[in-house]
Amino acid sequence: MKKKIIILTAFIGLVLSACSDFLDRQPLTMPENEGFLAGREQVENYINALYTSLPAPTQYGMSVRGEEVNSDNILAEKYDRRLNGENNQFSGSTDWEKGYQNLRNVNYFFHYYKVDAGLETAEVLSLRGEAYFLRAYWHFYLLTRFGDIPIMDDFWDENATVAGLQKPASKRADVARFILNDLKAAIGEIPEARANLFTRSKYQGLRISKEAATILAMRVALYEGSWEKYHKGTKFATEDNSTEFFQEVLNWGDQQLFTAGLTLNTKDTDKEYVNTEDAFAHLFNKEDLSQIPEAVLWKKYSVADGVFHNLGGLLASGAVDGQGPSGLSKSLVDNYLNADGTFINPKDEKFKDFNETFEGRDARLLVTVMHTGCKYRSNAGSSSNKPMNVRAYDATGTDEMKEKNKDIVSPNLNGDGNSKSVTGFHIRLGIDTTYVEGNTQTGIILFRYAEGLLCYAEAAAELDKWSDDVLNKTLKPLRERAGVTWIEPQADANFPFTGLTPLIQEIRRERCSELALQGFRLDDLMRWAEAGTLKGINGRGRGAYLGEESVLYKSFSPKGRESLELVLKDNDGWMDPLQQYLPEGYLFDLNRDYLLPIPPDELQLNHELKQNPGWQRK
């Protein structure tokens, strides 16, 4: 066993090379290639190693919680270069290499898989099904970034010559169809979780399942359908197959998702439920998600086993982006509805009050954004876990007032480093409320039932197949869990995207509310062709109100208020942290930046490839 693990580790290190490096590699000398993947143990070890490439927090860094600095949900002094049109010819190199490295690793498995038919147990076939899932996953990773790409459906090392590597890119629609076919193959080999309890009872959501493959398929089909619809008539979409792909979403939902026996985590299923926000919060701040069917695929951490992350300490210190000062955006906060189902008017005077901003709102806002009453460490490294408490500082100087002032814990506006908030809005989502010191082992969800419901709802609306039945099994239960009443959609003049029906508007709002800080926002902006909303002075985003009459301003001591003079605000008193960095707003190039450039060395190697629109050398 030890020898096999050593061989596997050596092999994984060997295979990590981009397709452009094929001609520079030494000949493959992996011992016993033909018999390397001939038994269940070898197959399982190999597939387990492929899991490590899936996105999840590593030991250090914000990972998924800070990823949406690439969108309108997070404002950061170290802003996203792509959003500001600062990418160059080489900006796609890392993503291209990562995608094809991982595809090569998966295709190595298929190429050398030699398990005899008599040894192909249900478990072995299930592992092979996981490989189909992973090949689909990495093709989708490349599709979202580059559009038309060469489909890597084989182990290309067999053709590692200049002639053999001339691989034309497939049209993006064909890439999406290939991905969906791989996912069909995956669910054909992974046992039914509900029928024989193989997946959930044995792995508790820790391995790829039919349900995870279904949700990925719905994600892919929705992405491609909306991309082709909303980019129609541009250089980014040469054909319109949107109806086909939207229908695929519904087919996967009807035939797989809604027959899988999955449920949302609600007050009726959550044994630790106390408050309205708990059912949603417990998806992000628990170590063990094994008994939550909504967590279709998640990653478990264990400090004892040396598998941990540092999100707990980072979030508790106030960090939003691990690279520098940042904060959640006002537009994210404004997205959440009132509990009665009505949308807010962000221009209403009451939202100048930090505390009133959170009153009577969607419970997901309370889970996602730090506010008065939440446990919080105001200083990095502090053992204090006082709740955030934003109220006016009393400067009378009496002993009683001095003691009372100690309870004030304001957002970290006047510090420095990564824990400084440039908007007043810190992340609460995923904070371990027990504040275990040191390394963190809260679980991280990769695929969730709620995403499948949102995909289905959007596709149904796009196809004009909306009905009470669709509502009752998608948006309505999501809002009910968040304590929000469903009411008939109405046009919201303050919604960031225009030209939508009220129903599509509310579906997009729901995606933002349900999936915020989980890595979806950039893909949504790209597939909806909405990056233009980030352009201009208003598009760069705002933070909380910090006028001198505001409770947020008054919550600081007289000494602390001196440093608030350095906080950047607009003429109306709202925090405007990017004004000196982005005086004109983001300069996203609408004719170029929706896709990344294919790396120049790939174009030199593979003459069948064509550069993406706007990236051709002039």
Foldseek 3Di string as FASTA:
>chain_A
DVVLLVLLVVVLVVLLWFLLCLVVDDPDDRPPLLCQQAAPVSLVSLLVVLVVLDFDFFAEFQGLLQVCLQDQFKFDLPGDCQLQVNDAQFNCVVLNSSLRSSLLSLQSCVVNNRHDPVRCDLSNLLSNLLSLLSLLVSLLSQCQFFAFAFRCPHNQSVQSDLVSPQTFTDGNVVSLVSSLVSLVSSQVRFDQCVPPVVPLVVPLQAGDHNQNSLLVNLVSLLLVLLLQVQCPPFLNHPDHPNLVSLVSLQVSCVPPLVVNPADQQFPVQDPPDDDLLVSQLLVFAAQDCSSHRQLNHWHWADVVVVGFYANQLCQQQQFSGQPWAMATFPLLLQLWDFLAAHHDDCVDPQLLAQQSSPPRTQSLSPQWWADAPAFHDPHRPDPGRQHAHQFFQDPPPDPVSVVVLVNHRFQQCQDTTRNHYLFRIGTNRNHNSVCDPDTHTHMGGDGGSLSSLLSNQLSCVVVVNDDVVSCVVHVQVLRVSRSHHDDPFDDDPPQLDDPDDSSNSVSVSSCSSSCPSRNCRVSVCLSNVNSVSQWFQCNSGWHHAQPCVYSNLSSDDPVSNVSVVVFDDPPVRTGRRCCVVCVGGRNNDSQPSSHRWDNPSSCVSHVSYDTRTPNDDD
